Amino acid sequence: MDCVFCRIIKGEIPAVKIYENEKVVVFLDIHPVNPGHMLIMSKDHYENIIDCPEAVLKEIMVAAKKVSLAVVKALDLKGFNIIQNNGSVAGQVIPHIHWHVIPRLPEDGLKHWDGRGYDDGEAGAVAQKIKQSLK
């Protein structure tokens, strides 16, 4: 497997690391949306959130809070996004589970996606399918 994030974690490719523990590493994105844009990931290779064990997900979220607090303080931010994509159709470019912490600036021009709403009865039908899959 030739995963660029695994290579960064192994030290084969340089990265500007922000935080690291036994399970998680955080480094600056090389193509930042805004200064301070970081990637948080498991040191072990999991493709997406479905594959990742819950204990590792907990470690990632604790690290996300820690580095988010730090970037807000360091850059005097008023807000930030934490984004995680699963699968190429959802925008996941590198198939190694990771979260983006994106500092937000009032004039950065980033916009949220538009919602489409539900047709009559559609929300209930979709909810029922999801609930059945939980069993």
N, C-alpha and C. Protein backbone atom coordinates (compact mmCIF):
# COMPACT_ATOMS: atom_id res chain seq x y z
N MET A 1 0.85 -1.18 0.00
CA MET A 1 0.00 0.00 0.00
C MET A 1 0.90 1.24 0.00
N ASP A 2 0.58 2.20 -0.86
CA ASP A 2 1.36 3.42 -0.94
C ASP A 2 0.49 4.60 -0.53
N CYS A 3 0.25 4.73 0.76
CA CYS A 3 -0.59 5.79 1.30
C CYS A 3 0.32 6.96 1.69
N VAL A 4 0.05 8.13 1.13
CA VAL A 4 0.89 9.29 1.41
C VAL A 4 0.85 9.65 2.90
N PHE A 5 -0.30 9.50 3.54
CA PHE A 5 -0.38 9.82 4.97
C PHE A 5 0.41 8.81 5.80
N CYS A 6 0.38 7.54 5.43
CA CYS A 6 1.20 6.54 6.13
C CYS A 6 2.68 6.88 5.98
N ARG A 7 3.06 7.35 4.81
CA ARG A 7 4.46 7.73 4.58
C ARG A 7 4.85 8.95 5.41
N ILE A 8 3.94 9.89 5.57
CA ILE A 8 4.20 11.05 6.43
C ILE A 8 4.35 10.58 7.88
N ILE A 9 3.45 9.72 8.32
CA ILE A 9 3.48 9.21 9.70
C ILE A 9 4.80 8.48 9.97
N LYS A 10 5.30 7.72 8.99
CA LYS A 10 6.56 6.99 9.13
C LYS A 10 7.79 7.90 9.01
N GLY A 11 7.60 9.16 8.64
CA GLY A 11 8.71 10.09 8.50
C GLY A 11 9.37 10.04 7.14
N GLU A 12 8.78 9.35 6.19
CA GLU A 12 9.34 9.25 4.85
C GLU A 12 9.10 10.51 4.01
N ILE A 13 8.07 11.25 4.37
CA ILE A 13 7.73 12.51 3.71
C ILE A 13 7.64 13.56 4.80
N PRO A 14 8.28 14.72 4.60
CA PRO A 14 8.25 15.74 5.66
C PRO A 14 6.86 16.36 5.82
N ALA A 15 6.59 16.77 7.04
CA ALA A 15 5.35 17.48 7.37
C ALA A 15 5.62 18.38 8.55
N VAL A 16 4.85 19.45 8.65
CA VAL A 16 4.96 20.35 9.80
C VAL A 16 3.97 19.85 10.85
N LYS A 17 4.51 19.09 11.80
CA LYS A 17 3.66 18.49 12.83
C LYS A 17 3.30 19.51 13.89
N ILE A 18 2.06 19.43 14.34
CA ILE A 18 1.52 20.31 15.37
C ILE A 18 1.37 19.55 16.68
N TYR A 19 0.93 18.30 16.60
CA TYR A 19 0.65 17.50 17.80
C TYR A 19 0.76 16.04 17.43
N GLU A 20 1.17 15.24 18.44
CA GLU A 20 1.29 13.80 18.21
C GLU A 20 1.20 13.07 19.54
N ASN A 21 0.53 11.93 19.53
CA ASN A 21 0.58 11.01 20.66
C ASN A 21 0.70 9.60 20.10
N GLU A 22 0.43 8.57 20.90
CA GLU A 22 0.62 7.19 20.44
C GLU A 22 -0.31 6.81 19.30
N LYS A 23 -1.49 7.40 19.24
CA LYS A 23 -2.52 6.99 18.27
C LYS A 23 -2.79 7.99 17.15
N VAL A 24 -2.45 9.26 17.39
CA VAL A 24 -2.90 10.34 16.51
C VAL A 24 -1.74 11.25 16.15
N VAL A 25 -1.80 11.81 14.94
CA VAL A 25 -0.85 12.83 14.54
C VAL A 25 -1.63 13.98 13.88
N VAL A 26 -1.15 15.19 14.09
CA VAL A 26 -1.76 16.39 13.50
C VAL A 26 -0.65 17.18 12.82
N PHE A 27 -0.90 17.56 11.57
CA PHE A 27 0.08 18.38 10.86
C PHE A 27 -0.63 19.37 9.96
N LEU A 28 0.11 20.40 9.54
CA LEU A 28 -0.46 21.42 8.67
C LEU A 28 -0.72 20.85 7.29
N ASP A 29 -1.86 21.19 6.72
CA ASP A 29 -2.19 20.81 5.34
C ASP A 29 -1.26 21.57 4.40
N ILE A 30 -0.72 20.89 3.38
CA ILE A 30 0.20 21.58 2.45
C ILE A 30 -0.54 22.44 1.44
N HIS A 31 -1.86 22.31 1.37
CA HIS A 31 -2.70 23.16 0.51
C HIS A 31 -3.79 23.77 1.38
N PRO A 32 -3.43 24.67 2.31
CA PRO A 32 -4.41 25.16 3.27
C PRO A 32 -5.48 26.05 2.65
N VAL A 33 -6.69 25.91 3.17
CA VAL A 33 -7.78 26.81 2.82
C VAL A 33 -7.49 28.18 3.43
N ASN A 34 -7.05 28.19 4.67
CA ASN A 34 -6.63 29.38 5.40
C ASN A 34 -5.41 29.00 6.24
N PRO A 35 -4.58 29.96 6.63
CA PRO A 35 -3.43 29.63 7.49
C PRO A 35 -3.87 28.92 8.76
N GLY A 36 -3.15 27.87 9.13
CA GLY A 36 -3.49 27.09 10.31
C GLY A 36 -4.34 25.87 10.00
N HIS A 37 -4.71 25.65 8.74
CA HIS A 37 -5.49 24.48 8.32
C HIS A 37 -4.68 23.23 8.63
N MET A 38 -5.24 22.36 9.47
CA MET A 38 -4.55 21.16 9.95
C MET A 38 -5.30 19.90 9.56
N LEU A 39 -4.57 18.81 9.50
CA LEU A 39 -5.14 17.48 9.30
C LEU A 39 -4.88 16.66 10.56
N ILE A 40 -5.93 16.00 11.04
CA ILE A 40 -5.85 15.13 12.22
C ILE A 40 -6.12 13.72 11.74
N MET A 41 -5.25 12.77 12.11
CA MET A 41 -5.47 11.40 11.65
C MET A 41 -4.94 10.36 12.60
N SER A 42 -5.46 9.17 12.42
CA SER A 42 -4.97 8.00 13.12
C SER A 42 -3.60 7.63 12.57
N LYS A 43 -2.69 7.21 13.45
CA LYS A 43 -1.40 6.72 12.98
C LYS A 43 -1.55 5.37 12.28
N ASP A 44 -2.55 4.61 12.67
CA ASP A 44 -2.84 3.35 11.99
C ASP A 44 -3.71 3.64 10.78
N HIS A 45 -3.55 2.84 9.75
CA HIS A 45 -4.28 3.07 8.51
C HIS A 45 -5.69 2.48 8.59
N TYR A 46 -6.66 3.36 8.50
CA TYR A 46 -8.06 3.00 8.32
C TYR A 46 -8.56 3.88 7.20
N GLU A 47 -9.34 3.32 6.31
CA GLU A 47 -9.76 4.09 5.14
C GLU A 47 -10.76 5.18 5.49
N ASN A 48 -11.73 4.86 6.36
CA ASN A 48 -12.79 5.83 6.65
C ASN A 48 -13.34 5.62 8.05
N ILE A 49 -14.35 6.39 8.39
CA ILE A 49 -14.90 6.36 9.75
C ILE A 49 -15.56 5.01 10.06
N ILE A 50 -16.07 4.34 9.06
CA ILE A 50 -16.71 3.04 9.27
C ILE A 50 -15.68 1.99 9.66
N ASP A 51 -14.48 2.06 9.08
CA ASP A 51 -13.42 1.09 9.35
C ASP A 51 -12.68 1.35 10.67
N CYS A 52 -12.76 2.54 11.17
CA CYS A 52 -11.94 2.96 12.31
C CYS A 52 -12.57 2.53 13.64
N PRO A 53 -11.80 1.89 14.51
CA PRO A 53 -12.33 1.49 15.82
C PRO A 53 -12.76 2.70 16.66
N GLU A 54 -13.78 2.50 17.48
CA GLU A 54 -14.30 3.59 18.31
C GLU A 54 -13.25 4.17 19.24
N ALA A 55 -12.37 3.35 19.78
CA ALA A 55 -11.33 3.86 20.68
C ALA A 55 -10.41 4.84 19.96
N VAL A 56 -10.12 4.57 18.71
CA VAL A 56 -9.27 5.47 17.92
C VAL A 56 -10.04 6.74 17.58
N LEU A 57 -11.32 6.61 17.26
CA LEU A 57 -12.13 7.79 16.98
C LEU A 57 -12.17 8.72 18.19
N LYS A 58 -12.25 8.16 19.39
CA LYS A 58 -12.23 8.97 20.60
C LYS A 58 -10.92 9.73 20.72
N GLU A 59 -9.81 9.07 20.45
CA GLU A 59 -8.49 9.72 20.50
C GLU A 59 -8.42 10.86 19.50
N ILE A 60 -8.96 10.64 18.31
CA ILE A 60 -8.95 11.67 17.27
C ILE A 60 -9.75 12.89 17.73
N MET A 61 -10.92 12.66 18.33
CA MET A 61 -11.76 13.78 18.75
C MET A 61 -11.13 14.56 19.90
N VAL A 62 -10.47 13.88 20.80
CA VAL A 62 -9.76 14.57 21.89
C VAL A 62 -8.66 15.44 21.30
N ALA A 63 -7.92 14.91 20.34
CA ALA A 63 -6.87 15.69 19.68
C ALA A 63 -7.48 16.87 18.91
N ALA A 64 -8.63 16.64 18.28
CA ALA A 64 -9.30 17.71 17.54
C ALA A 64 -9.64 18.88 18.45
N LYS A 65 -10.15 18.57 19.63
CA LYS A 65 -10.47 19.64 20.58
C LYS A 65 -9.21 20.37 21.01
N LYS A 66 -8.17 19.63 21.32
CA LYS A 66 -6.91 20.22 21.79
C LYS A 66 -6.32 21.18 20.75
N VAL A 67 -6.20 20.73 19.49
CA VAL A 67 -5.58 21.59 18.48
C VAL A 67 -6.52 22.71 18.04
N SER A 68 -7.83 22.47 18.11
CA SER A 68 -8.78 23.53 17.78
C SER A 68 -8.69 24.67 18.78
N LEU A 69 -8.63 24.33 20.06
CA LEU A 69 -8.44 25.36 21.08
C LEU A 69 -7.15 26.14 20.85
N ALA A 70 -6.10 25.42 20.48
CA ALA A 70 -4.80 26.07 20.26
C ALA A 70 -4.82 27.01 19.06
N VAL A 71 -5.42 26.58 17.96
CA VAL A 71 -5.42 27.44 16.77
C VAL A 71 -6.32 28.65 16.96
N VAL A 72 -7.43 28.48 17.67
CA VAL A 72 -8.31 29.62 17.96
C VAL A 72 -7.55 30.67 18.78
N LYS A 73 -6.84 30.20 19.78
CA LYS A 73 -6.06 31.12 20.63
C LYS A 73 -4.90 31.74 19.86
N ALA A 74 -4.15 30.92 19.15
CA ALA A 74 -2.94 31.39 18.47
C ALA A 74 -3.25 32.40 17.37
N LEU A 75 -4.34 32.17 16.64
CA LEU A 75 -4.65 33.03 15.49
C LEU A 75 -5.82 33.98 15.75
N ASP A 76 -6.28 34.03 17.00
CA ASP A 76 -7.37 34.90 17.41
C ASP A 76 -8.59 34.73 16.49
N LEU A 77 -9.01 33.47 16.34
CA LEU A 77 -10.12 33.15 15.45
C LEU A 77 -11.46 33.32 16.14
N LYS A 78 -12.46 33.58 15.34
CA LYS A 78 -13.84 33.63 15.83
C LYS A 78 -14.61 32.37 15.47
N GLY A 79 -14.00 31.49 14.64
CA GLY A 79 -14.66 30.26 14.25
C GLY A 79 -13.74 29.36 13.45
N PHE A 80 -14.17 28.10 13.30
CA PHE A 80 -13.42 27.12 12.51
C PHE A 80 -14.38 26.01 12.12
N ASN A 81 -14.01 25.26 11.11
CA ASN A 81 -14.77 24.07 10.71
C ASN A 81 -13.92 22.84 10.98
N ILE A 82 -14.59 21.76 11.35
CA ILE A 82 -13.97 20.43 11.40
C ILE A 82 -14.75 19.60 10.38
N ILE A 83 -14.02 19.10 9.38
CA ILE A 83 -14.65 18.41 8.26
C ILE A 83 -13.99 17.05 8.07
N GLN A 84 -14.79 16.04 7.79
CA GLN A 84 -14.27 14.70 7.54
C GLN A 84 -15.07 14.09 6.39
N ASN A 85 -14.37 13.64 5.35
CA ASN A 85 -15.00 13.06 4.17
C ASN A 85 -14.78 11.55 4.13
N ASN A 86 -15.77 10.82 3.63
CA ASN A 86 -15.70 9.36 3.54
C ASN A 86 -16.04 8.93 2.12
N GLY A 87 -15.04 8.43 1.40
CA GLY A 87 -15.23 7.98 0.02
C GLY A 87 -14.99 9.10 -0.98
N SER A 88 -14.53 8.71 -2.15
CA SER A 88 -14.18 9.70 -3.17
C SER A 88 -15.38 10.54 -3.60
N VAL A 89 -16.57 9.96 -3.64
CA VAL A 89 -17.76 10.70 -4.04
C VAL A 89 -18.08 11.82 -3.03
N ALA A 90 -17.58 11.66 -1.79
CA ALA A 90 -17.79 12.67 -0.75
C ALA A 90 -16.62 13.64 -0.64
N GLY A 91 -15.64 13.51 -1.53
CA GLY A 91 -14.51 14.43 -1.52
C GLY A 91 -13.26 13.91 -0.84
N GLN A 92 -13.26 12.65 -0.41
CA GLN A 92 -12.06 12.09 0.23
C GLN A 92 -11.04 11.80 -0.86
N VAL A 93 -9.92 12.52 -0.82
CA VAL A 93 -8.88 12.38 -1.83
C VAL A 93 -7.89 11.29 -1.46
N ILE A 94 -7.50 11.25 -0.19
CA ILE A 94 -6.56 10.24 0.29
C ILE A 94 -7.33 9.27 1.18
N PRO A 95 -7.33 7.98 0.83
CA PRO A 95 -8.14 7.01 1.59
C PRO A 95 -7.47 6.57 2.90
N HIS A 96 -7.22 7.54 3.75
CA HIS A 96 -6.72 7.33 5.12
C HIS A 96 -7.54 8.26 5.97
N ILE A 97 -8.23 7.73 6.96
CA ILE A 97 -9.15 8.55 7.76
C ILE A 97 -8.44 9.80 8.28
N HIS A 98 -9.09 10.94 8.07
CA HIS A 98 -8.53 12.20 8.56
C HIS A 98 -9.62 13.26 8.64
N TRP A 99 -9.39 14.21 9.52
CA TRP A 99 -10.26 15.36 9.70
C TRP A 99 -9.48 16.62 9.34
N HIS A 100 -10.17 17.58 8.78
CA HIS A 100 -9.61 18.90 8.51
C HIS A 100 -10.08 19.84 9.61
N VAL A 101 -9.17 20.60 10.19
CA VAL A 101 -9.53 21.72 11.03
C VAL A 101 -9.20 22.96 10.21
N ILE A 102 -10.24 23.70 9.82
CA ILE A 102 -10.06 24.84 8.93
C ILE A 102 -10.40 26.12 9.66
N PRO A 103 -9.38 26.94 9.96
CA PRO A 103 -9.66 28.25 10.56
C PRO A 103 -10.52 29.08 9.62
N ARG A 104 -11.47 29.78 10.17
CA ARG A 104 -12.35 30.61 9.36
C ARG A 104 -12.11 32.08 9.64
N LEU A 105 -12.14 32.84 8.57
CA LEU A 105 -11.95 34.29 8.63
C LEU A 105 -13.21 34.94 8.07
N PRO A 106 -13.60 36.10 8.61
CA PRO A 106 -14.86 36.72 8.16
C PRO A 106 -14.93 36.95 6.65
N GLU A 107 -13.81 37.22 6.01
CA GLU A 107 -13.82 37.53 4.59
C GLU A 107 -13.21 36.44 3.72
N ASP A 108 -13.20 35.18 4.18
CA ASP A 108 -12.54 34.13 3.41
C ASP A 108 -13.36 33.63 2.22
N GLY A 109 -14.64 33.99 2.15
CA GLY A 109 -15.46 33.65 0.99
C GLY A 109 -15.97 32.22 0.95
N LEU A 110 -15.66 31.41 1.96
CA LEU A 110 -16.15 30.03 1.97
C LEU A 110 -17.63 30.01 2.29
N LYS A 111 -18.35 29.15 1.61
CA LYS A 111 -19.80 29.06 1.82
C LYS A 111 -20.18 27.62 2.13
N HIS A 112 -21.25 27.45 2.85
CA HIS A 112 -21.80 26.11 3.10
C HIS A 112 -22.62 25.68 1.89
N TRP A 113 -22.84 24.38 1.76
CA TRP A 113 -23.64 23.87 0.65
C TRP A 113 -25.11 24.20 0.87
N ASP A 114 -25.85 24.24 -0.22
CA ASP A 114 -27.29 24.49 -0.17
C ASP A 114 -28.03 23.20 0.16
N GLY A 115 -29.02 23.29 1.02
CA GLY A 115 -29.89 22.15 1.31
C GLY A 115 -30.99 22.09 0.28
N ARG A 116 -31.54 20.90 0.04
CA ARG A 116 -32.59 20.76 -0.98
C ARG A 116 -33.97 20.55 -0.39
N GLY A 117 -34.05 20.18 0.88
CA GLY A 117 -35.35 19.88 1.48
C GLY A 117 -35.82 18.48 1.11
N TYR A 118 -36.95 18.06 1.65
CA TYR A 118 -37.55 16.75 1.38
C TYR A 118 -38.88 16.92 0.68
N ASP A 119 -39.19 15.99 -0.21
CA ASP A 119 -40.53 15.93 -0.80
C ASP A 119 -41.48 15.37 0.25
N ASP A 120 -42.79 15.50 0.01
CA ASP A 120 -43.79 14.98 0.94
C ASP A 120 -43.56 13.49 1.20
N GLY A 121 -43.46 13.13 2.47
CA GLY A 121 -43.29 11.74 2.86
C GLY A 121 -41.87 11.19 2.73
N GLU A 122 -40.99 11.92 2.08
CA GLU A 122 -39.63 11.43 1.84
C GLU A 122 -38.82 11.32 3.14
N ALA A 123 -38.92 12.31 4.02
CA ALA A 123 -38.14 12.29 5.26
C ALA A 123 -38.49 11.06 6.09
N GLY A 124 -39.76 10.77 6.23
CA GLY A 124 -40.19 9.61 7.00
C GLY A 124 -39.68 8.31 6.41
N ALA A 125 -39.73 8.18 5.08
CA ALA A 125 -39.27 6.96 4.41
C ALA A 125 -37.77 6.78 4.58
N VAL A 126 -37.03 7.86 4.43
CA VAL A 126 -35.57 7.80 4.60
C VAL A 126 -35.23 7.46 6.04
N ALA A 127 -35.90 8.11 6.98
CA ALA A 127 -35.65 7.83 8.41
C ALA A 127 -35.92 6.37 8.73
N GLN A 128 -37.00 5.83 8.19
CA GLN A 128 -37.36 4.44 8.44
C GLN A 128 -36.28 3.49 7.92
N LYS A 129 -35.75 3.74 6.73
CA LYS A 129 -34.68 2.91 6.17
C LYS A 129 -33.44 2.95 7.05
N ILE A 130 -33.09 4.14 7.52
CA ILE A 130 -31.91 4.29 8.36
C ILE A 130 -32.11 3.56 9.68
N LYS A 131 -33.27 3.73 10.29
CA LYS A 131 -33.57 3.06 11.57
C LYS A 131 -33.51 1.54 11.42
N GLN A 132 -34.02 1.01 10.32
CA GLN A 132 -33.97 -0.43 10.07
C GLN A 132 -32.51 -0.91 9.96
N SER A 133 -31.64 -0.12 9.41
CA SER A 133 -30.23 -0.49 9.26
C SER A 133 -29.48 -0.44 10.57
N LEU A 134 -30.02 0.25 11.57
CA LEU A 134 -29.37 0.31 12.89
C LEU A 134 -29.52 -1.00 13.64
N LYS A 135 -30.48 -1.79 13.29
CA LYS A 135 -30.77 -3.03 14.02
C LYS A 135 -29.78 -4.12 13.72
